[in-house]
């Protein structure tokens, strides 16, 4: 993976509304692979915060999401992201 792709996976993993399935579809990475990437790329304390944040979070798992959650990203994501991958259609 390129540095840009790694940055995008990390960004998607931190986003509340982006399920692991979206990461799998875009980067062919399973949830355990994302966890391993996050563990390798983040400081230990940041990784612990992220794991606590996503563990059991319904919006990170498509099967657990309610029908009212129908998008992968927040409305502001395009405005705050400089990554071209997130802007491609």
PDB file of N, CA and C in Angstrom:
ATOM      1  N   UNK A   1       0.840  -1.191   0.000  1.00  0.00           N
ATOM      2  CA  UNK A   1       0.000   0.000   0.000  1.00  0.00           C
ATOM      3  C   UNK A   1       0.883   1.252   0.000  1.00  0.00           C
ATOM      4  N   UNK A   2       0.405   2.262  -0.665  1.00  0.00           N
ATOM      5  CA  UNK A   2       1.116   3.535  -0.662  1.00  0.00           C
ATOM      6  C   UNK A   2       0.832   4.273   0.646  1.00  0.00           C
ATOM      7  N   UNK A   3       1.639   5.280   0.923  1.00  0.00           N
ATOM      8  CA  UNK A   3       1.399   6.091   2.120  1.00  0.00           C
ATOM      9  C   UNK A   3       0.030   6.751   2.062  1.00  0.00           C
ATOM     10  N   UNK A   4      -0.370   7.171   0.870  1.00  0.00           N
ATOM     11  CA  UNK A   4      -1.676   7.819   0.703  1.00  0.00           C
ATOM     12  C   UNK A   4      -2.808   6.834   1.009  1.00  0.00           C
ATOM     13  N   UNK A   5      -2.677   5.607   0.556  1.00  0.00           N
ATOM     14  CA  UNK A   5      -3.702   4.593   0.836  1.00  0.00           C
ATOM     15  C   UNK A   5      -3.746   4.250   2.320  1.00  0.00           C
ATOM     16  N   UNK A   6      -2.602   4.136   2.947  1.00  0.00           N
ATOM     17  CA  UNK A   6      -2.558   3.860   4.392  1.00  0.00           C
ATOM     18  C   UNK A   6      -3.235   4.996   5.156  1.00  0.00           C
ATOM     19  N   UNK A   7      -2.926   6.241   4.778  1.00  0.00           N
ATOM     20  CA  UNK A   7      -3.564   7.393   5.421  1.00  0.00           C
ATOM     21  C   UNK A   7      -5.073   7.351   5.253  1.00  0.00           C
ATOM     22  N   UNK A   8      -5.538   6.967   4.077  1.00  0.00           N
ATOM     23  CA  UNK A   8      -6.983   6.918   3.820  1.00  0.00           C
ATOM     24  C   UNK A   8      -7.645   5.817   4.637  1.00  0.00           C
ATOM     25  N   UNK A   9      -7.014   4.662   4.747  1.00  0.00           N
ATOM     26  CA  UNK A   9      -7.577   3.571   5.562  1.00  0.00           C
ATOM     27  C   UNK A   9      -7.675   4.018   7.021  1.00  0.00           C
ATOM     28  N   UNK A  10      -6.629   4.656   7.527  1.00  0.00           N
ATOM     29  CA  UNK A  10      -6.652   5.143   8.910  1.00  0.00           C
ATOM     30  C   UNK A  10      -7.769   6.169   9.084  1.00  0.00           C
ATOM     31  N   UNK A  11      -7.904   7.073   8.137  1.00  0.00           N
ATOM     32  CA  UNK A  11      -8.970   8.077   8.208  1.00  0.00           C
ATOM     33  C   UNK A  11     -10.347   7.410   8.215  1.00  0.00           C
ATOM     34  N   UNK A  12     -10.540   6.437   7.331  1.00  0.00           N
ATOM     35  CA  UNK A  12     -11.820   5.741   7.273  1.00  0.00           C
ATOM     36  C   UNK A  12     -12.088   4.958   8.561  1.00  0.00           C
ATOM     37  N   UNK A  13     -11.043   4.370   9.132  1.00  0.00           N
ATOM     38  CA  UNK A  13     -11.207   3.600  10.366  1.00  0.00           C
ATOM     39  C   UNK A  13     -11.615   4.497  11.529  1.00  0.00           C
ATOM     40  N   UNK A  14     -11.137   5.745  11.561  1.00  0.00           N
ATOM     41  CA  UNK A  14     -11.494   6.684  12.631  1.00  0.00           C
ATOM     42  C   UNK A  14     -12.902   7.240  12.455  1.00  0.00           C
ATOM     43  N   UNK A  15     -13.413   7.290  11.225  1.00  0.00           N
ATOM     44  CA  UNK A  15     -14.736   7.875  10.979  1.00  0.00           C
ATOM     45  C   UNK A  15     -15.825   6.994  11.582  1.00  0.00           C
ATOM     46  N   UNK A  16     -16.747   7.596  12.284  1.00  0.00           N
ATOM     47  CA  UNK A  16     -17.814   6.839  12.940  1.00  0.00           C
ATOM     48  C   UNK A  16     -18.735   6.143  11.952  1.00  0.00           C
ATOM     49  N   UNK A  17     -19.067   6.784  10.868  1.00  0.00           N
ATOM     50  CA  UNK A  17     -20.063   6.239   9.959  1.00  0.00           C
ATOM     51  C   UNK A  17     -19.501   5.336   8.868  1.00  0.00           C
ATOM     52  N   UNK A  18     -18.200   5.183   8.793  1.00  0.00           N
ATOM     53  CA  UNK A  18     -17.605   4.327   7.763  1.00  0.00           C
ATOM     54  C   UNK A  18     -17.458   2.914   8.307  1.00  0.00           C
ATOM     55  N   UNK A  19     -18.248   1.965   7.794  1.00  0.00           N
ATOM     56  CA  UNK A  19     -18.150   0.592   8.294  1.00  0.00           C
ATOM     57  C   UNK A  19     -16.899  -0.103   7.761  1.00  0.00           C
ATOM     58  N   UNK A  20     -16.500  -1.151   8.438  1.00  0.00           N
ATOM     59  CA  UNK A  20     -15.355  -1.925   7.982  1.00  0.00           C
ATOM     60  C   UNK A  20     -15.611  -2.512   6.594  1.00  0.00           C
ATOM     61  N   UNK A  21     -16.865  -2.755   6.252  1.00  0.00           N
ATOM     62  CA  UNK A  21     -17.197  -3.272   4.921  1.00  0.00           C
ATOM     63  C   UNK A  21     -16.795  -2.297   3.824  1.00  0.00           C
ATOM     64  N   UNK A  22     -16.914  -1.001   4.078  1.00  0.00           N
ATOM     65  CA  UNK A  22     -16.512   0.005   3.082  1.00  0.00           C
ATOM     66  C   UNK A  22     -15.005  -0.040   2.862  1.00  0.00           C
ATOM     67  N   UNK A  23     -14.244  -0.245   3.931  1.00  0.00           N
ATOM     68  CA  UNK A  23     -12.792  -0.372   3.813  1.00  0.00           C
ATOM     69  C   UNK A  23     -12.452  -1.642   3.042  1.00  0.00           C
ATOM     70  N   UNK A  24     -13.183  -2.708   3.330  1.00  0.00           N
ATOM     71  CA  UNK A  24     -12.950  -3.970   2.624  1.00  0.00           C
ATOM     72  C   UNK A  24     -13.244  -3.817   1.137  1.00  0.00           C
ATOM     73  N   UNK A  25     -14.332  -3.134   0.802  1.00  0.00           N
ATOM     74  CA  UNK A  25     -14.694  -2.947  -0.607  1.00  0.00           C
ATOM     75  C   UNK A  25     -13.672  -2.099  -1.348  1.00  0.00           C
ATOM     76  N   UNK A  26     -13.152  -1.080  -0.699  1.00  0.00           N
ATOM     77  CA  UNK A  26     -12.245  -0.155  -1.378  1.00  0.00           C
ATOM     78  C   UNK A  26     -10.792  -0.632  -1.373  1.00  0.00           C
ATOM     79  N   UNK A  27     -10.360  -1.284  -0.284  1.00  0.00           N
ATOM     80  CA  UNK A  27      -8.949  -1.642  -0.144  1.00  0.00           C
ATOM     81  C   UNK A  27      -8.698  -3.139   0.036  1.00  0.00           C
ATOM     82  N   UNK A  28      -9.751  -3.955   0.005  1.00  0.00           N
ATOM     83  CA  UNK A  28      -9.635  -5.410   0.157  1.00  0.00           C
ATOM     84  C   UNK A  28      -8.962  -5.784   1.482  1.00  0.00           C
ATOM     85  N   UNK A  29      -9.305  -5.040   2.534  1.00  0.00           N
ATOM     86  CA  UNK A  29      -8.759  -5.319   3.867  1.00  0.00           C
ATOM     87  C   UNK A  29      -9.888  -5.746   4.800  1.00  0.00           C
ATOM     88  N   UNK A  30      -9.719  -6.882   5.443  1.00  0.00           N
ATOM     89  CA  UNK A  30     -10.709  -7.348   6.406  1.00  0.00           C
ATOM     90  C   UNK A  30     -10.571  -6.542   7.694  1.00  0.00           C
ATOM     91  N   UNK A  31     -11.543  -6.678   8.578  1.00  0.00           N
ATOM     92  CA  UNK A  31     -11.485  -5.979   9.863  1.00  0.00           C
ATOM     93  C   UNK A  31     -10.210  -6.327  10.639  1.00  0.00           C
ATOM     94  N   UNK A  32      -9.829  -7.621  10.750  1.00  0.00           N
ATOM     95  CA  UNK A  32      -8.575  -7.927  11.451  1.00  0.00           C
ATOM     96  C   UNK A  32      -7.343  -7.277  10.792  1.00  0.00           C
ATOM     97  N   UNK A  33      -7.349  -7.164   9.472  1.00  0.00           N
ATOM     98  CA  UNK A  33      -6.230  -6.524   8.774  1.00  0.00           C
ATOM     99  C   UNK A  33      -6.191  -5.025   9.079  1.00  0.00           C
ATOM    100  N   UNK A  34      -7.364  -4.402   9.178  1.00  0.00           N
ATOM    101  CA  UNK A  34      -7.426  -2.980   9.533  1.00  0.00           C
ATOM    102  C   UNK A  34      -6.914  -2.788  10.958  1.00  0.00           C
ATOM    103  N   UNK A  35      -7.319  -3.665  11.849  1.00  0.00           N
ATOM    104  CA  UNK A  35      -6.858  -3.583  13.240  1.00  0.00           C
ATOM    105  C   UNK A  35      -5.336  -3.720  13.295  1.00  0.00           C
ATOM    106  N   UNK A  36      -4.781  -4.663  12.538  1.00  0.00           N
ATOM    107  CA  UNK A  36      -3.326  -4.848  12.515  1.00  0.00           C
ATOM    108  C   UNK A  36      -2.630  -3.615  11.949  1.00  0.00           C
ATOM    109  N   UNK A  37      -3.196  -3.014  10.909  1.00  0.00           N
ATOM    110  CA  UNK A  37      -2.627  -1.797  10.331  1.00  0.00           C
ATOM    111  C   UNK A  37      -2.656  -0.655  11.336  1.00  0.00           C
ATOM    112  N   UNK A  38      -3.778  -0.509  12.013  1.00  0.00           N
ATOM    113  CA  UNK A  38      -3.912   0.558  13.007  1.00  0.00           C
ATOM    114  C   UNK A  38      -2.907   0.343  14.144  1.00  0.00           C
ATOM    115  N   UNK A  39      -2.750  -0.896  14.571  1.00  0.00           N
ATOM    116  CA  UNK A  39      -1.799  -1.204  15.645  1.00  0.00           C
ATOM    117  C   UNK A  39      -0.374  -0.841  15.221  1.00  0.00           C
ATOM    118  N   UNK A  40      -0.041  -1.105  13.962  1.00  0.00           N
ATOM    119  CA  UNK A  40       1.314  -0.840  13.468  1.00  0.00           C
ATOM    120  C   UNK A  40       1.562   0.649  13.213  1.00  0.00           C
ATOM    121  N   UNK A  41       0.527   1.387  12.819  1.00  0.00           N
ATOM    122  CA  UNK A  41       0.705   2.769  12.392  1.00  0.00           C
ATOM    123  C   UNK A  41       0.486   3.802  13.493  1.00  0.00           C
ATOM    124  N   UNK A  42      -0.330   3.478  14.485  1.00  0.00           N
ATOM    125  CA  UNK A  42      -0.655   4.440  15.536  1.00  0.00           C
ATOM    126  C   UNK A  42       0.222   4.245  16.763  1.00  0.00           C
ATOM    127  N   UNK A  43       0.355   5.306  17.542  1.00  0.00           N
ATOM    128  CA  UNK A  43       0.991   5.163  18.848  1.00  0.00           C
ATOM    129  C   UNK A  43       0.111   4.246  19.687  1.00  0.00           C
ATOM    130  N   UNK A  44       0.698   3.601  20.658  1.00  0.00           N
ATOM    131  CA  UNK A  44      -0.034   2.653  21.514  1.00  0.00           C
ATOM    132  C   UNK A  44      -1.265   3.304  22.141  1.00  0.00           C
ATOM    133  N   UNK A  45      -1.115   4.516  22.663  1.00  0.00           N
ATOM    134  CA  UNK A  45      -2.240   5.190  23.320  1.00  0.00           C
ATOM    135  C   UNK A  45      -3.336   5.536  22.306  1.00  0.00           C
ATOM    136  N   UNK A  46      -2.949   5.931  21.111  1.00  0.00           N
ATOM    137  CA  UNK A  46      -3.941   6.250  20.073  1.00  0.00           C
ATOM    138  C   UNK A  46      -4.672   4.999  19.631  1.00  0.00           C
ATOM    139  N   UNK A  47      -3.934   3.899  19.512  1.00  0.00           N
ATOM    140  CA  UNK A  47      -4.566   2.634  19.142  1.00  0.00           C
ATOM    141  C   UNK A  47      -5.579   2.207  20.194  1.00  0.00           C
ATOM    142  N   UNK A  48      -5.220   2.335  21.464  1.00  0.00           N
ATOM    143  CA  UNK A  48      -6.151   1.971  22.541  1.00  0.00           C
ATOM    144  C   UNK A  48      -7.413   2.834  22.492  1.00  0.00           C
ATOM    145  N   UNK A  49      -7.252   4.123  22.256  1.00  0.00           N
ATOM    146  CA  UNK A  49      -8.416   5.013  22.137  1.00  0.00           C
ATOM    147  C   UNK A  49      -9.302   4.601  20.968  1.00  0.00           C
ATOM    148  N   UNK A  50      -8.669   4.292  19.839  1.00  0.00           N
ATOM    149  CA  UNK A  50      -9.434   3.893  18.650  1.00  0.00           C
ATOM    150  C   UNK A  50     -10.183   2.587  18.903  1.00  0.00           C
ATOM    151  N   UNK A  51      -9.526   1.600  19.485  1.00  0.00           N
ATOM    152  CA  UNK A  51     -10.176   0.307  19.751  1.00  0.00           C
ATOM    153  C   UNK A  51     -11.352   0.474  20.695  1.00  0.00           C
ATOM    154  N   UNK A  52     -11.177   1.280  21.719  1.00  0.00           N
ATOM    155  CA  UNK A  52     -12.278   1.528  22.655  1.00  0.00           C
ATOM    156  C   UNK A  52     -13.430   2.216  21.927  1.00  0.00           C
ATOM    157  N   UNK A  53     -13.100   3.083  21.007  1.00  0.00           N
ATOM    158  CA  UNK A  53     -14.118   3.830  20.271  1.00  0.00           C
ATOM    159  C   UNK A  53     -14.926   2.942  19.323  1.00  0.00           C
ATOM    160  N   UNK A  54     -14.263   2.030  18.602  1.00  0.00           N
ATOM    161  CA  UNK A  54     -14.961   1.240  17.588  1.00  0.00           C
ATOM    162  C   UNK A  54     -15.513  -0.084  18.094  1.00  0.00           C
ATOM    163  N   UNK A  55     -15.042  -0.563  19.231  1.00  0.00           N
ATOM    164  CA  UNK A  55     -15.520  -1.847  19.745  1.00  0.00           C
ATOM    165  C   UNK A  55     -17.009  -1.775  20.050  1.00  0.00           C
ATOM    166  N   UNK A  56     -17.768  -2.595  19.364  1.00  0.00           N
ATOM    167  CA  UNK A  56     -19.207  -2.658  19.581  1.00  0.00           C
ATOM    168  C   UNK A  56     -19.997  -1.506  18.985  1.00  0.00           C
ATOM    169  N   UNK A  57     -19.348  -0.614  18.268  1.00  0.00           N
ATOM    170  CA  UNK A  57     -20.043   0.532  17.665  1.00  0.00           C
ATOM    171  C   UNK A  57     -20.866   0.033  16.480  1.00  0.00           C
ATOM    172  N   UNK A  58     -22.159   0.252  16.532  1.00  0.00           N
ATOM    173  CA  UNK A  58     -23.054  -0.250  15.490  1.00  0.00           C
ATOM    174  C   UNK A  58     -22.750   0.318  14.117  1.00  0.00           C
ATOM    175  N   UNK A  59     -22.333   1.561  14.044  1.00  0.00           N
ATOM    176  CA  UNK A  59     -22.110   2.167  12.734  1.00  0.00           C
ATOM    177  C   UNK A  59     -20.847   1.640  12.051  1.00  0.00           C
ATOM    178  N   UNK A  60     -19.966   0.954  12.769  1.00  0.00           N
ATOM    179  CA  UNK A  60     -18.763   0.400  12.156  1.00  0.00           C
ATOM    180  C   UNK A  60     -19.009  -0.976  11.561  1.00  0.00           C
ATOM    181  N   UNK A  61     -20.164  -1.572  11.831  1.00  0.00           N
ATOM    182  CA  UNK A  61     -20.484  -2.895  11.322  1.00  0.00           C
ATOM    183  C   UNK A  61     -21.798  -2.816  10.565  1.00  0.00           C
ATOM    184  N   UNK A  62     -21.755  -3.034   9.273  1.00  0.00           N
ATOM    185  CA  UNK A  62     -22.939  -2.872   8.423  1.00  0.00           C
ATOM    186  C   UNK A  62     -24.130  -3.704   8.895  1.00  0.00           C
ATOM    187  N   UNK A  63     -23.871  -4.912   9.350  1.00  0.00           N
ATOM    188  CA  UNK A  63     -24.961  -5.788   9.785  1.00  0.00           C
ATOM    189  C   UNK A  63     -25.661  -5.259  11.029  1.00  0.00           C
ATOM    190  N   UNK A  64     -24.976  -4.447  11.826  1.00  0.00           N
ATOM    191  CA  UNK A  64     -25.545  -3.918  13.065  1.00  0.00           C
ATOM    192  C   UNK A  64     -26.171  -2.537  12.890  1.00  0.00           C
ATOM    193  N   UNK A  65     -25.973  -1.919  11.740  1.00  0.00           N
ATOM    194  CA  UNK A  65     -26.458  -0.554  11.515  1.00  0.00           C
ATOM    195  C   UNK A  65     -27.967  -0.514  11.403  1.00  0.00           C
ATOM    196  N   UNK A  66     -28.523   0.566  11.866  1.00  0.00           N
ATOM    197  CA  UNK A  66     -29.947   0.785  11.686  1.00  0.00           C
ATOM    198  C   UNK A  66     -30.220   1.283  10.276  1.00  0.00           C
ATOM    199  N   UNK A  67     -31.452   1.194   9.841  1.00  0.00           N
ATOM    200  CA  UNK A  67     -31.798   1.635   8.490  1.00  0.00           C
ATOM    201  C   UNK A  67     -31.694   3.143   8.336  1.00  0.00           C
ATOM    202  N   UNK A  68     -31.676   3.885   9.443  1.00  0.00           N
ATOM    203  CA  UNK A  68     -31.568   5.339   9.374  1.00  0.00           C
ATOM    204  C   UNK A  68     -30.154   5.798   9.025  1.00  0.00           C
ATOM    205  N   UNK A  69     -29.173   4.914   9.143  1.00  0.00           N
ATOM    206  CA  UNK A  69     -27.793   5.242   8.763  1.00  0.00           C
ATOM    207  C   UNK A  69     -27.589   4.716   7.353  1.00  0.00           C
ATOM    208  N   UNK A  70     -27.615   5.620   6.376  1.00  0.00           N
ATOM    209  CA  UNK A  70     -27.575   5.175   4.987  1.00  0.00           C
ATOM    210  C   UNK A  70     -26.417   5.772   4.193  1.00  0.00           C
ATOM    211  N   UNK A  71     -25.384   6.252   4.876  1.00  0.00           N
ATOM    212  CA  UNK A  71     -24.219   6.758   4.158  1.00  0.00           C
ATOM    213  C   UNK A  71     -22.961   6.372   4.920  1.00  0.00           C
ATOM    214  N   UNK A  72     -21.821   6.384   4.192  1.00  0.00           N
ATOM    215  CA  UNK A  72     -20.551   5.969   4.779  1.00  0.00           C
ATOM    216  C   UNK A  72     -19.796   7.111   5.420  1.00  0.00           C
ATOM    217  N   UNK A  73     -20.089   8.339   5.060  1.00  0.00           N
ATOM    218  CA  UNK A  73     -19.270   9.442   5.545  1.00  0.00           C
ATOM    219  C   UNK A  73     -20.127  10.603   6.010  1.00  0.00           C
ATOM    220  N   UNK A  74     -19.544  11.450   6.800  1.00  0.00           N
ATOM    221  CA  UNK A  74     -20.261  12.616   7.274  1.00  0.00           C
ATOM    222  C   UNK A  74     -20.351  13.653   6.155  1.00  0.00           C
ATOM    223  N   UNK A  75     -21.256  14.585   6.285  1.00  0.00           N
ATOM    224  CA  UNK A  75     -21.459  15.608   5.262  1.00  0.00           C
ATOM    225  C   UNK A  75     -20.243  16.495   5.066  1.00  0.00           C
ATOM    226  N   UNK A  76     -19.413  16.644   6.092  1.00  0.00           N
ATOM    227  CA  UNK A  76     -18.267  17.543   6.025  1.00  0.00           C
ATOM    228  C   UNK A  76     -16.999  16.883   5.502  1.00  0.00           C
ATOM    229  N   UNK A  77     -17.019  15.579   5.255  1.00  0.00           N
ATOM    230  CA  UNK A  77     -15.796  14.869   4.926  1.00  0.00           C
ATOM    231  C   UNK A  77     -15.087  15.443   3.703  1.00  0.00           C
ATOM    232  N   UNK A  78     -15.791  15.736   2.636  1.00  0.00           N
ATOM    233  CA  UNK A  78     -15.151  16.281   1.442  1.00  0.00           C
ATOM    234  C   UNK A  78     -14.447  17.596   1.755  1.00  0.00           C
ATOM    235  N   UNK A  79     -15.055  18.412   2.586  1.00  0.00           N
ATOM    236  CA  UNK A  79     -14.492  19.722   2.890  1.00  0.00           C
ATOM    237  C   UNK A  79     -13.224  19.626   3.734  1.00  0.00           C
ATOM    238  N   UNK A  80     -13.102  18.604   4.554  1.00  0.00           N
ATOM    239  CA  UNK A  80     -11.948  18.530   5.455  1.00  0.00           C
ATOM    240  C   UNK A  80     -10.866  17.589   4.964  1.00  0.00           C
ATOM    241  N   UNK A  81     -11.127  16.814   3.937  1.00  0.00           N
ATOM    242  CA  UNK A  81     -10.147  15.840   3.469  1.00  0.00           C
ATOM    243  C   UNK A  81      -9.414  16.353   2.234  1.00  0.00           C
ATOM    244  N   UNK A  82      -8.106  16.263   2.253  1.00  0.00           N
ATOM    245  CA  UNK A  82      -7.305  16.618   1.084  1.00  0.00           C
ATOM    246  C   UNK A  82      -6.935  15.395   0.262  1.00  0.00           C
ATOM    247  N   UNK A  83      -7.431  14.244   0.640  1.00  0.00           N
ATOM    248  CA  UNK A  83      -7.088  13.003  -0.022  1.00  0.00           C
ATOM    249  C   UNK A  83      -7.939  12.819  -1.268  1.00  0.00           C
ATOM    250  N   UNK A  84      -7.326  12.641  -2.423  1.00  0.00           N
ATOM    251  CA  UNK A  84      -8.058  12.506  -3.682  1.00  0.00           C
ATOM    252  C   UNK A  84      -8.875  11.224  -3.746  1.00  0.00           C
ATOM    253  N   UNK A  85      -8.462  10.198  -3.010  1.00  0.00           N
ATOM    254  CA  UNK A  85      -9.214   8.948  -3.027  1.00  0.00           C
ATOM    255  C   UNK A  85     -10.629   9.185  -2.515  1.00  0.00           C
ATOM    256  N   UNK A  86     -10.768   9.986  -1.467  1.00  0.00           N
ATOM    257  CA  UNK A  86     -12.094  10.238  -0.897  1.00  0.00           C
ATOM    258  C   UNK A  86     -12.949  11.098  -1.800  1.00  0.00           C
ATOM    259  N   UNK A  87     -12.340  11.806  -2.739  1.00  0.00           N
ATOM    260  CA  UNK A  87     -13.087  12.695  -3.613  1.00  0.00           C
ATOM    261  C   UNK A  87     -13.429  12.077  -4.956  1.00  0.00           C
ATOM    262  N   UNK A  88     -12.855  10.912  -5.257  1.00  0.00           N
ATOM    263  CA  UNK A  88     -13.134  10.308  -6.553  1.00  0.00           C
ATOM    264  C   UNK A  88     -14.541   9.736  -6.559  1.00  0.00           C
ATOM    265  N   UNK A  89     -15.091   9.681  -7.743  1.00  0.00           N
ATOM    266  CA  UNK A  89     -16.469   9.166  -7.860  1.00  0.00           C
ATOM    267  C   UNK A  89     -16.490   7.930  -8.679  1.00  0.00           C
TER     268      UNK A  89
END
